[in-house]
Amino acid sequence: MHTSTEGQQVSPEQLGSTGPNGGDILVQVMRDAGVDVAFGVISIHNLPLVQAVDRELRFVPVRHEAAAVNAADGYARATGRIGVALTSTGTGAGNAAGSMLEALTAQSRVLHVTGNINAALIGEHRGAYHEVPRQLAMLQAVSQHAMRIETPRQARVALTEAVRLLDTAPHGPVSIDWPIDLQYTADPDAQNKVEDRSPTVRTGTQRDIERAVKLMATAKRPLIWAGGGARRVGEPLANLAEAWGAGVLTGTNGRGSVPEDHPLVVGNFAGDDAVAALVAEADCLLTIGSHLRPSETGNGSLPLPEAHVQVDLDEDALGRNFPIRVGIQADATVAVPALLDALGGSDTDGDWAQRVAGAAASARATLRETIGAYAPICDSLRKRLPRRAPIVRELGVLAAERPHVVLVVFNDGGYGVLRNMQAAAGDPTHAVDLATPDLKRLAGAYGLKHTRVGDPEGFDLALKKAVKKARPMLIEVDVNALEPAPADLVPPAEVP
């Protein structure tokens, strides 16, 4: 017999890599959802799950649970499918929390399955290995939904419900808390019946659509604000902007809802002076899937039009941060085509499209001037990469998986933004200058090609070579060597 960390006796057969157990159930649910890969860290508290996925599908091991969720998040965004992350109980689940919060903010479809101690010991405070007294509460705080598998027969129902929730807007990560003993004792042939329930789609009411269109039809200077809830709308959103003659602002999570090079797209520049002036001129605003967060609206001071229509799945979000005339509680993928069909033509001011384009050009010009040498680096990225190539801010697992990924590290020797904040306040720097590793030697330890550059021309040459080579590569940008130097980024922060 083998002794688990909770002092329970578990037979060698149960610890083996073959089923039947909960791992086989997870594999089948993943297959049914069209997912063939999971990311994670193997542990005594998720062993049967990892072994089954690695045996039947594909398991990508990482060295930290945050990286597992980040990888699953990236997979979900890049493929449109569900990203799966497997972590351990206690510290492992806690390590994943920050990345889960990022996935929650981005409305990413991540299934996070974490182990737990034996079911009978949860809440008993006996000091079981890796015990977290309120693990489920922690998962609920950083997930769209979180649930615990309570019995061996409940596993398939819980996992299937998690997939249904992931397929139901508003999207967001779902966590499953699965005690280790119930992972071993979950028999795939003795599961509770799974109800056949399709994801629900909220369509809004015809009356609200008609009220919105009546208001929108009077607009001479319309704008659309696209948030994260607008990302899945696709072509109908661009068609609506064109039919209505509306400029398109985007929130941080709404970028790309309409291609950034569309002539009506202003982008994520609401804080720019020229764009704020454009918003002040507008006479009607359609907000789609955005909560108009304080960080994007000057802490609520942006002068939005009184004629304001808001589309959101969350009823409580309608009118929460700014007053509205019409609220439509609906999935944007349904509401936007309905508005487009009902709107017909438009009667905007003859020069409104030019004013929109002018504000967008001014905002971009200001940004280019502000970011100094980063501007040609951005140009290089756009020129060298395919139009639809994903550009993300963090990656892991390069050395083992060898994907064709170019990792660009902007090395400023510490916490540059915090350093700027201290300098702007006239304070000496504290705790912002870090001992930076030799990235060339670090990359070499993992067998990765490394190039260090200090100017845009060098970056462009390095990127050109990296794109041609079907292997991972690290480009290190010496930020302090860039000329002209970017302006110091000092984010807005309220200090009491």
Protein backbone atom coordinates (compact mmCIF):
# COMPACT_ATOMS: atom_id res chain seq x y z
CA MET A 1 0.00 0.00 0.00
CA HIS A 2 1.03 3.64 -0.55
CA THR A 3 0.44 6.42 1.94
CA SER A 4 -0.82 9.75 0.62
CA THR A 5 0.05 13.10 2.16
CA GLU A 6 -3.16 13.02 4.18
CA GLY A 7 -2.26 9.71 5.84
CA GLN A 8 -4.85 7.81 3.78
CA GLN A 9 -4.15 4.35 2.39
CA VAL A 10 -4.32 4.24 -1.45
CA SER A 11 -3.71 1.07 -3.44
CA PRO A 12 -0.93 0.91 -6.06
CA GLU A 13 -3.56 0.21 -8.69
CA GLN A 14 -5.25 3.54 -7.94
CA LEU A 15 -1.93 5.38 -8.20
CA GLY A 16 -1.17 3.84 -11.60
CA SER A 17 -1.21 5.79 -14.84
CA THR A 18 -4.11 3.87 -16.37
CA GLY A 19 -7.82 4.39 -15.68
CA PRO A 20 -10.52 4.20 -14.95
CA ASN A 21 -10.52 7.39 -12.88
CA GLY A 22 -11.31 11.07 -13.07
CA GLY A 23 -8.51 11.67 -15.55
CA ASP A 24 -10.40 9.66 -18.15
CA ILE A 25 -13.50 11.76 -17.52
CA LEU A 26 -11.52 14.99 -17.97
CA VAL A 27 -10.04 13.69 -21.24
CA GLN A 28 -13.47 12.85 -22.62
CA VAL A 29 -14.92 16.24 -21.65
CA MET A 30 -11.96 17.96 -23.30
CA ARG A 31 -12.43 15.92 -26.46
CA ASP A 32 -16.13 16.74 -26.54
CA ALA A 33 -15.18 20.44 -26.27
CA GLY A 34 -12.71 20.18 -29.15
CA VAL A 35 -9.64 20.67 -26.95
CA ASP A 36 -6.58 18.45 -27.23
CA VAL A 37 -4.02 20.18 -25.01
CA ALA A 38 -3.68 21.26 -21.38
CA PHE A 39 -0.98 23.25 -19.60
CA GLY A 40 0.07 22.75 -16.02
CA VAL A 41 2.32 21.63 -13.21
CA ILE A 42 2.17 17.99 -12.15
CA SER A 43 1.56 17.31 -8.47
CA ILE A 44 0.50 14.59 -6.10
CA HIS A 45 -2.84 16.41 -5.96
CA ASN A 46 -3.55 16.21 -9.70
CA LEU A 47 -1.55 13.15 -10.74
CA PRO A 48 -4.42 11.13 -12.28
CA LEU A 49 -5.58 14.13 -14.32
CA VAL A 50 -2.14 14.97 -15.71
CA GLN A 51 -1.32 11.34 -16.47
CA ALA A 52 -4.54 10.83 -18.41
CA VAL A 53 -4.16 14.03 -20.44
CA ASP A 54 -0.51 13.26 -21.21
CA ARG A 55 -1.40 9.70 -22.23
CA GLU A 56 -4.45 10.45 -24.37
CA LEU A 57 -4.05 14.05 -25.53
CA ARG A 58 -1.19 16.49 -24.97
CA PHE A 59 0.10 17.93 -21.73
CA VAL A 60 2.51 20.87 -21.80
CA PRO A 61 4.46 21.06 -18.51
CA VAL A 62 5.45 24.45 -17.14
CA ARG A 63 7.42 25.50 -14.08
CA HIS A 64 4.88 27.76 -12.39
CA GLU A 65 1.11 27.68 -12.10
CA ALA A 66 0.79 31.30 -13.24
CA ALA A 67 2.51 30.28 -16.47
CA ALA A 68 0.02 27.42 -16.88
CA VAL A 69 -2.96 29.77 -16.71
CA ASN A 70 -1.20 32.35 -18.91
CA ALA A 71 -0.54 29.66 -21.52
CA ALA A 72 -4.14 28.42 -21.38
CA ASP A 73 -5.33 32.02 -21.64
CA GLY A 74 -3.15 32.65 -24.69
CA TYR A 75 -4.29 29.39 -26.28
CA ALA A 76 -7.93 30.39 -25.78
CA ARG A 77 -7.45 33.86 -27.28
CA ALA A 78 -5.40 32.63 -30.24
CA THR A 79 -7.55 29.62 -31.17
CA GLY A 80 -11.04 30.60 -30.05
CA ARG A 81 -11.25 27.31 -28.15
CA ILE A 82 -11.18 26.60 -24.43
CA GLY A 83 -7.78 26.78 -22.74
CA VAL A 84 -7.19 24.21 -19.98
CA ALA A 85 -4.85 24.68 -17.02
CA LEU A 86 -4.14 21.99 -14.40
CA THR A 87 -2.71 23.03 -11.03
CA SER A 88 -2.27 21.66 -7.55
CA THR A 89 -3.99 22.50 -4.32
CA GLY A 90 -3.04 25.23 -1.87
CA THR A 91 0.09 27.04 -2.97
CA GLY A 92 -0.39 25.81 -6.54
CA ALA A 93 -3.90 27.17 -6.80
CA GLY A 94 -2.74 30.37 -5.12
CA ASN A 95 0.07 30.81 -7.62
CA ALA A 96 -2.53 30.68 -10.40
CA ALA A 97 -4.72 33.40 -8.88
CA GLY A 98 -3.04 36.43 -10.47
CA SER A 99 -3.18 34.93 -13.93
CA MET A 100 -6.79 33.91 -13.38
CA LEU A 101 -7.59 37.53 -12.57
CA GLU A 102 -5.99 38.56 -15.86
CA ALA A 103 -8.13 35.99 -17.70
CA LEU A 104 -11.20 37.24 -15.84
CA THR A 105 -10.54 40.84 -16.83
CA ALA A 106 -10.05 39.79 -20.46
CA GLN A 107 -13.15 37.54 -20.45
CA SER A 108 -10.97 34.63 -21.54
CA ARG A 109 -12.34 31.09 -21.77
CA VAL A 110 -10.00 29.26 -19.41
CA LEU A 111 -10.92 26.03 -17.61
CA HIS A 112 -8.79 25.88 -14.47
CA VAL A 113 -8.86 22.46 -12.78
CA THR A 114 -7.08 22.38 -9.46
CA GLY A 115 -6.65 19.61 -6.96
CA ASN A 116 -7.52 19.72 -3.29
CA ILE A 117 -6.88 17.62 -0.23
CA ASN A 118 -9.13 14.62 0.47
CA ALA A 119 -12.78 15.62 0.48
CA ALA A 120 -13.44 14.53 4.08
CA LEU A 121 -10.60 16.73 5.36
CA ILE A 122 -11.67 19.99 3.70
CA GLY A 123 -12.57 22.52 6.38
CA GLU A 124 -11.38 20.27 9.22
CA HIS A 125 -8.17 22.30 9.81
CA ARG A 126 -6.08 19.22 10.59
CA GLY A 127 -3.00 20.56 8.86
CA ALA A 128 -3.22 18.38 5.78
CA TYR A 129 -0.39 18.90 3.32
CA HIS A 130 -1.07 21.98 1.14
CA GLU A 131 -4.38 22.59 2.90
CA VAL A 132 -6.00 25.98 2.22
CA PRO A 133 -9.02 26.49 4.47
CA ARG A 134 -10.98 28.62 1.99
CA GLN A 135 -9.60 27.54 -1.37
CA LEU A 136 -12.99 27.58 -3.09
CA ALA A 137 -13.61 31.15 -1.88
CA MET A 138 -10.24 32.17 -3.32
CA LEU A 139 -11.15 30.60 -6.67
CA GLN A 140 -14.54 32.32 -6.65
CA ALA A 141 -12.80 35.67 -6.20
CA VAL A 142 -10.70 35.30 -9.36
CA SER A 143 -13.06 33.29 -11.59
CA GLN A 144 -16.28 33.97 -13.45
CA HIS A 145 -17.58 30.76 -11.86
CA ALA A 146 -16.05 28.29 -9.44
CA MET A 147 -17.36 24.97 -8.12
CA ARG A 148 -16.20 21.97 -6.17
CA ILE A 149 -16.70 18.31 -7.11
CA GLU A 150 -18.33 16.88 -3.99
CA THR A 151 -18.76 13.18 -4.87
CA PRO A 152 -17.08 10.67 -7.22
CA ARG A 153 -20.23 10.46 -9.35
CA GLN A 154 -20.49 14.25 -9.84
CA ALA A 155 -17.29 14.75 -11.85
CA ARG A 156 -18.69 14.57 -15.38
CA VAL A 157 -21.66 16.79 -14.51
CA ALA A 158 -19.39 19.46 -12.99
CA LEU A 159 -16.90 19.45 -15.87
CA THR A 160 -19.67 19.52 -18.47
CA GLU A 161 -21.36 22.40 -16.67
CA ALA A 162 -18.03 24.23 -16.61
CA VAL A 163 -17.74 23.91 -20.40
CA ARG A 164 -21.32 25.12 -20.81
CA LEU A 165 -20.54 28.16 -18.67
CA LEU A 166 -17.40 28.82 -20.70
CA ASP A 167 -19.55 28.78 -23.85
CA THR A 168 -22.09 31.18 -22.33
CA ALA A 169 -21.55 34.93 -22.55
CA PRO A 170 -20.39 36.92 -20.69
CA HIS A 171 -17.31 34.75 -20.91
CA GLY A 172 -14.68 34.30 -18.27
CA PRO A 173 -12.56 31.62 -16.60
CA VAL A 174 -14.16 28.76 -14.69
CA SER A 175 -12.41 26.93 -11.84
CA ILE A 176 -13.04 23.35 -10.75
CA ASP A 177 -11.88 22.36 -7.25
CA TRP A 178 -11.38 18.57 -7.34
CA PRO A 179 -10.30 16.71 -4.15
CA ILE A 180 -7.56 14.20 -4.88
CA ASP A 181 -9.38 11.17 -3.51
CA LEU A 182 -12.38 11.93 -5.75
CA GLN A 183 -10.05 12.15 -8.75
CA TYR A 184 -9.00 8.53 -8.13
CA THR A 185 -12.44 7.18 -7.25
CA ALA A 186 -14.44 8.86 -10.02
CA ASP A 187 -15.51 5.94 -12.21
CA PRO A 188 -16.24 6.99 -15.82
CA ASP A 189 -18.94 4.31 -16.03
CA ALA A 190 -20.73 5.35 -12.84
CA GLN A 191 -21.35 9.05 -13.38
CA ASN A 192 -24.54 10.99 -12.73
CA LYS A 193 -26.63 11.77 -15.80
CA VAL A 194 -25.61 14.93 -17.62
CA GLU A 195 -28.52 17.11 -18.65
CA ASP A 196 -28.46 18.24 -22.27
CA ARG A 197 -28.40 22.02 -21.85
CA SER A 198 -27.24 24.38 -24.54
CA PRO A 199 -25.53 27.69 -23.69
CA THR A 200 -28.08 30.45 -23.30
CA VAL A 201 -27.95 33.56 -25.47
CA ARG A 202 -29.63 36.73 -24.27
CA THR A 203 -31.07 38.56 -27.25
CA GLY A 204 -32.58 41.66 -25.64
CA THR A 205 -36.09 42.90 -26.36
CA GLN A 206 -37.42 44.20 -29.65
CA ARG A 207 -38.74 47.24 -27.81
CA ASP A 208 -35.24 48.17 -26.58
CA ILE A 209 -33.80 47.70 -30.07
CA GLU A 210 -36.47 49.97 -31.53
CA ARG A 211 -35.92 52.63 -28.84
CA ALA A 212 -32.18 52.55 -29.47
CA VAL A 213 -32.55 52.84 -33.24
CA LYS A 214 -34.98 55.73 -32.89
CA LEU A 215 -32.36 57.62 -30.86
CA MET A 216 -29.45 56.62 -33.10
CA ALA A 217 -31.28 57.66 -36.27
CA THR A 218 -31.26 61.31 -35.16
CA ALA A 219 -27.47 61.41 -34.75
CA LYS A 220 -25.35 63.75 -36.85
CA ARG A 221 -22.06 62.99 -35.09
CA PRO A 222 -22.21 59.40 -33.79
CA LEU A 223 -19.56 57.37 -31.99
CA ILE A 224 -19.27 53.72 -30.97
CA TRP A 225 -17.33 52.64 -27.88
CA ALA A 226 -16.32 48.97 -28.25
CA GLY A 227 -15.27 47.13 -25.11
CA GLY A 228 -14.28 43.53 -24.44
CA GLY A 229 -17.86 42.39 -25.02
CA ALA A 230 -17.61 43.58 -28.63
CA ARG A 231 -14.63 41.43 -29.59
CA ARG A 232 -16.73 38.48 -30.76
CA VAL A 233 -19.10 40.52 -32.95
CA GLY A 234 -16.84 40.56 -35.97
CA GLU A 235 -17.85 42.00 -39.34
CA PRO A 236 -21.33 43.23 -38.28
CA LEU A 237 -19.68 45.77 -35.96
CA ALA A 238 -17.67 47.30 -38.80
CA ASN A 239 -20.79 47.22 -40.97
CA LEU A 240 -22.76 49.08 -38.30
CA ALA A 241 -20.06 51.74 -37.99
CA GLU A 242 -20.11 52.24 -41.75
CA ALA A 243 -23.90 52.28 -42.05
CA TRP A 244 -24.25 54.74 -39.16
CA GLY A 245 -21.17 56.78 -40.10
CA ALA A 246 -19.80 56.39 -36.58
CA GLY A 247 -16.24 56.70 -35.36
CA VAL A 248 -15.11 53.72 -33.28
CA LEU A 249 -13.38 54.17 -29.93
CA THR A 250 -12.12 51.05 -28.16
CA GLY A 251 -11.47 50.21 -24.57
CA THR A 252 -8.34 48.30 -23.65
CA ASN A 253 -10.09 44.95 -24.02
CA GLY A 254 -11.97 46.04 -27.13
CA ARG A 255 -8.95 46.66 -29.32
CA GLY A 256 -9.25 44.80 -32.62
CA SER A 257 -13.05 44.60 -32.51
CA VAL A 258 -12.82 46.53 -35.78
CA PRO A 259 -9.44 46.43 -37.55
CA GLU A 260 -7.22 49.26 -36.34
CA ASP A 261 -6.55 50.44 -39.91
CA HIS A 262 -10.25 50.92 -40.70
CA PRO A 263 -10.82 54.59 -41.63
CA LEU A 264 -13.49 55.01 -38.93
CA VAL A 265 -11.43 53.52 -36.09
CA VAL A 266 -9.99 55.95 -33.55
CA GLY A 267 -8.80 53.20 -31.21
CA ASN A 268 -7.85 53.17 -27.55
CA PHE A 269 -7.15 56.90 -27.28
CA ALA A 270 -10.02 58.36 -25.28
CA GLY A 271 -7.53 60.13 -23.01
CA ASP A 272 -5.92 62.02 -25.91
CA ASP A 273 -6.86 65.71 -26.11
CA ALA A 274 -7.93 65.57 -29.77
CA VAL A 275 -10.07 62.49 -29.15
CA ALA A 276 -11.61 63.96 -26.01
CA ALA A 277 -12.58 67.00 -28.10
CA LEU A 278 -14.15 64.65 -30.66
CA VAL A 279 -16.16 62.94 -27.92
CA ALA A 280 -17.33 66.36 -26.70
CA GLU A 281 -18.59 67.12 -30.23
CA ALA A 282 -20.44 63.81 -30.61
CA ASP A 283 -24.20 63.86 -30.23
CA CYS A 284 -24.85 60.12 -29.77
CA LEU A 285 -22.79 57.26 -28.34
CA LEU A 286 -23.38 53.51 -28.63
CA THR A 287 -21.41 51.64 -25.96
CA ILE A 288 -21.00 47.92 -26.64
CA GLY A 289 -19.71 45.55 -23.98
CA SER A 290 -17.76 48.14 -22.01
CA HIS A 291 -18.17 49.35 -18.46
CA LEU A 292 -16.46 52.65 -19.36
CA ARG A 293 -13.90 52.19 -16.63
CA PRO A 294 -12.53 55.21 -14.75
CA SER A 295 -9.01 54.52 -16.05
CA GLU A 296 -10.27 54.99 -19.63
CA THR A 297 -12.60 57.92 -19.07
CA GLY A 298 -10.53 60.30 -16.97
CA ASN A 299 -12.10 58.99 -13.75
CA GLY A 300 -15.53 59.64 -15.21
CA SER A 301 -14.80 63.18 -16.41
CA LEU A 302 -14.93 62.41 -20.16
CA PRO A 303 -17.90 64.40 -21.59
CA LEU A 304 -20.00 61.63 -23.13
CA PRO A 305 -23.12 62.57 -25.13
CA GLU A 306 -26.46 62.64 -23.34
CA ALA A 307 -27.92 60.49 -26.13
CA HIS A 308 -26.27 57.30 -24.94
CA VAL A 309 -27.21 53.72 -25.80
CA GLN A 310 -25.49 50.90 -23.93
CA VAL A 311 -25.43 47.18 -24.81
CA ASP A 312 -24.24 44.83 -22.09
CA LEU A 313 -25.05 41.34 -20.82
CA ASP A 314 -24.75 42.51 -17.22
CA GLU A 315 -27.94 44.34 -16.31
CA ASP A 316 -26.19 46.01 -13.37
CA ALA A 317 -23.59 47.50 -15.74
CA LEU A 318 -26.20 49.43 -17.72
CA GLY A 319 -25.85 53.07 -16.70
CA ARG A 320 -23.55 52.25 -13.79
CA ASN A 321 -20.64 54.57 -14.66
CA PHE A 322 -22.38 56.99 -17.04
CA PRO A 323 -26.06 57.84 -17.53
CA ILE A 324 -27.81 56.29 -20.51
CA ARG A 325 -31.02 56.90 -22.44
CA VAL A 326 -31.50 53.30 -23.61
CA GLY A 327 -30.06 50.11 -22.14
CA ILE A 328 -30.09 46.81 -24.01
CA GLN A 329 -29.32 43.74 -21.91
CA ALA A 330 -28.15 41.38 -24.64
CA ASP A 331 -25.24 39.51 -26.18
CA ALA A 332 -23.49 41.92 -28.52
CA THR A 333 -23.25 39.22 -31.20
CA VAL A 334 -27.05 39.37 -31.41
CA ALA A 335 -27.73 43.00 -30.56
CA VAL A 336 -25.33 44.56 -33.08
CA PRO A 337 -26.79 42.74 -36.13
CA ALA A 338 -30.28 43.63 -34.86
CA LEU A 339 -29.36 47.31 -34.62
CA LEU A 340 -27.77 47.16 -38.08
CA ASP A 341 -30.87 45.60 -39.64
CA ALA A 342 -33.21 48.13 -38.04
CA LEU A 343 -31.12 51.26 -38.55
CA GLY A 344 -31.19 51.63 -42.32
CA GLY A 345 -29.24 54.64 -43.54
CA SER A 346 -27.66 57.54 -41.67
CA ASP A 347 -27.67 61.32 -41.88
CA THR A 348 -24.35 62.35 -40.37
CA ASP A 349 -22.63 65.68 -40.86
CA GLY A 350 -20.80 65.71 -44.18
CA ASP A 351 -17.37 66.17 -42.63
CA TRP A 352 -17.84 63.91 -39.59
CA ALA A 353 -15.81 61.03 -41.05
CA GLN A 354 -12.96 63.45 -41.77
CA ARG A 355 -13.09 64.81 -38.22
CA VAL A 356 -12.97 61.26 -36.87
CA ALA A 357 -9.97 60.47 -39.06
CA GLY A 358 -8.30 63.72 -38.04
CA ALA A 359 -8.67 62.98 -34.34
CA ALA A 360 -7.34 59.46 -34.84
CA ALA A 361 -4.33 60.74 -36.81
CA SER A 362 -3.61 63.37 -34.17
CA ALA A 363 -3.75 60.81 -31.35
CA ARG A 364 -1.42 58.46 -33.19
CA ALA A 365 1.00 61.27 -34.02
CA THR A 366 1.09 62.34 -30.38
CA LEU A 367 1.74 58.78 -29.29
CA ARG A 368 4.57 58.35 -31.81
CA GLU A 369 6.21 61.53 -30.58
CA THR A 370 5.84 60.43 -26.97
CA ILE A 371 7.29 56.94 -27.35
CA GLY A 372 10.44 58.02 -29.17
CA ALA A 373 12.48 55.10 -30.50
CA TYR A 374 9.66 52.69 -29.74
CA ALA A 375 7.78 54.08 -32.75
CA PRO A 376 10.09 52.59 -35.39
CA ILE A 377 10.25 49.39 -33.34
CA CYS A 378 6.44 49.19 -33.60
CA ASP A 379 6.72 49.88 -37.32
CA SER A 380 9.16 47.00 -37.62
CA LEU A 381 6.80 44.63 -35.84
CA ARG A 382 3.97 45.60 -38.14
CA LYS A 383 6.12 45.29 -41.28
CA ARG A 384 7.78 42.00 -40.45
CA LEU A 385 4.87 40.07 -38.92
CA PRO A 386 1.82 38.67 -40.73
CA ARG A 387 -1.28 40.84 -40.36
CA ARG A 388 -3.00 38.40 -37.98
CA ALA A 389 0.09 37.35 -36.01
CA PRO A 390 -0.71 37.42 -32.27
CA ILE A 391 1.32 39.97 -30.32
CA VAL A 392 1.24 39.30 -26.58
CA ARG A 393 3.04 40.66 -23.58
CA GLU A 394 4.24 37.50 -21.78
CA LEU A 395 5.18 33.97 -22.79
CA GLY A 396 6.59 30.80 -21.23
CA VAL A 397 7.60 27.25 -22.23
CA LEU A 398 9.68 28.33 -25.25
CA ALA A 399 12.67 26.05 -24.76
CA ALA A 400 10.72 22.81 -24.39
CA GLU A 401 8.07 23.29 -27.07
CA ARG A 402 10.23 25.16 -29.64
CA PRO A 403 7.39 27.16 -31.23
CA HIS A 404 8.10 29.83 -33.84
CA VAL A 405 7.90 32.63 -31.31
CA VAL A 406 9.96 35.79 -31.08
CA LEU A 407 10.31 36.94 -27.47
CA VAL A 408 11.17 40.64 -27.17
CA VAL A 409 12.42 41.80 -23.75
CA PHE A 410 12.53 45.56 -23.19
CA ASN A 411 15.19 45.70 -20.50
CA ASP A 412 15.18 48.89 -18.42
CA GLY A 413 16.95 47.35 -15.43
CA GLY A 414 14.02 47.43 -13.01
CA TYR A 415 10.50 48.70 -12.49
CA GLY A 416 10.65 51.60 -14.94
CA VAL A 417 7.11 52.89 -14.47
CA LEU A 418 7.46 52.98 -10.68
CA ARG A 419 10.84 54.65 -11.10
CA ASN A 420 9.16 57.33 -13.22
CA MET A 421 6.44 57.86 -10.62
CA GLN A 422 9.00 58.43 -7.90
CA ALA A 423 10.98 60.83 -10.09
CA ALA A 424 7.83 62.77 -11.07
CA ALA A 425 7.08 63.26 -7.37
CA GLY A 426 10.62 64.51 -6.75
CA ASP A 427 11.42 61.53 -4.54
CA PRO A 428 14.62 59.48 -4.55
CA THR A 429 14.23 56.04 -6.07
CA HIS A 430 13.41 53.16 -3.75
CA ALA A 431 13.14 49.43 -4.54
CA VAL A 432 12.88 49.91 -8.31
CA ASP A 433 16.38 49.08 -9.53
CA LEU A 434 16.88 45.36 -9.92
CA ALA A 435 19.92 43.16 -10.45
CA THR A 436 19.25 42.13 -14.04
CA PRO A 437 20.41 38.69 -15.22
CA ASP A 438 22.61 38.26 -18.26
CA LEU A 439 19.88 37.36 -20.71
CA LYS A 440 22.31 36.07 -23.32
CA ARG A 441 23.68 33.49 -20.89
CA LEU A 442 20.19 32.73 -19.59
CA ALA A 443 18.89 32.16 -23.12
CA GLY A 444 21.92 30.01 -23.88
CA ALA A 445 21.16 27.82 -20.88
CA TYR A 446 17.84 26.98 -22.53
CA GLY A 447 19.31 26.62 -26.01
CA LEU A 448 17.65 29.79 -27.30
CA LYS A 449 19.19 32.20 -29.79
CA HIS A 450 19.75 35.68 -28.28
CA THR A 451 20.41 39.08 -29.82
CA ARG A 452 20.87 42.37 -27.91
CA VAL A 453 20.05 45.62 -29.71
CA GLY A 454 20.12 49.28 -28.73
CA ASP A 455 18.51 51.06 -31.66
CA PRO A 456 15.50 50.62 -33.98
CA GLU A 457 17.66 49.67 -36.96
CA GLY A 458 19.29 46.86 -35.04
CA PHE A 459 15.89 45.71 -33.83
CA ASP A 460 14.48 45.59 -37.35
CA LEU A 461 17.43 43.53 -38.60
CA ALA A 462 17.15 41.11 -35.66
CA LEU A 463 13.39 40.74 -36.13
CA LYS A 464 13.80 40.14 -39.87
CA LYS A 465 16.18 37.26 -39.16
CA ALA A 466 14.02 35.87 -36.35
CA VAL A 467 10.86 35.78 -38.46
CA LYS A 468 12.66 33.77 -41.15
CA LYS A 469 13.91 31.13 -38.71
CA ALA A 470 11.26 28.64 -37.60
CA ARG A 471 12.47 28.52 -34.01
CA PRO A 472 12.17 30.56 -30.83
CA MET A 473 14.45 33.55 -30.42
CA LEU A 474 14.99 36.20 -27.75
CA ILE A 475 15.61 39.81 -28.77
CA GLU A 476 16.77 42.00 -25.88
CA VAL A 477 16.21 45.73 -26.31
CA ASP A 478 18.50 47.91 -24.20
CA VAL A 479 15.93 50.56 -23.29
CA ASN A 480 18.47 52.95 -21.80
CA ALA A 481 20.38 53.04 -25.11
CA LEU A 482 17.38 54.02 -27.27
CA GLU A 483 17.47 57.38 -29.03
CA PRO A 484 15.38 59.43 -29.01
CA ALA A 485 14.47 58.35 -25.52
CA PRO A 486 10.77 57.65 -24.91
CA ALA A 487 8.98 60.06 -22.60
CA ASP A 488 8.68 58.77 -19.06
CA LEU A 489 5.42 56.88 -18.64
CA VAL A 490 3.72 58.04 -15.44
CA PRO A 491 0.29 56.39 -15.10
CA PRO A 492 -2.52 58.35 -13.46
CA ALA A 493 -2.77 57.51 -9.79
CA GLU A 494 -5.03 58.99 -7.13
CA VAL A 495 -3.21 59.79 -3.91
CA PRO A 496 -5.39 60.75 -0.93
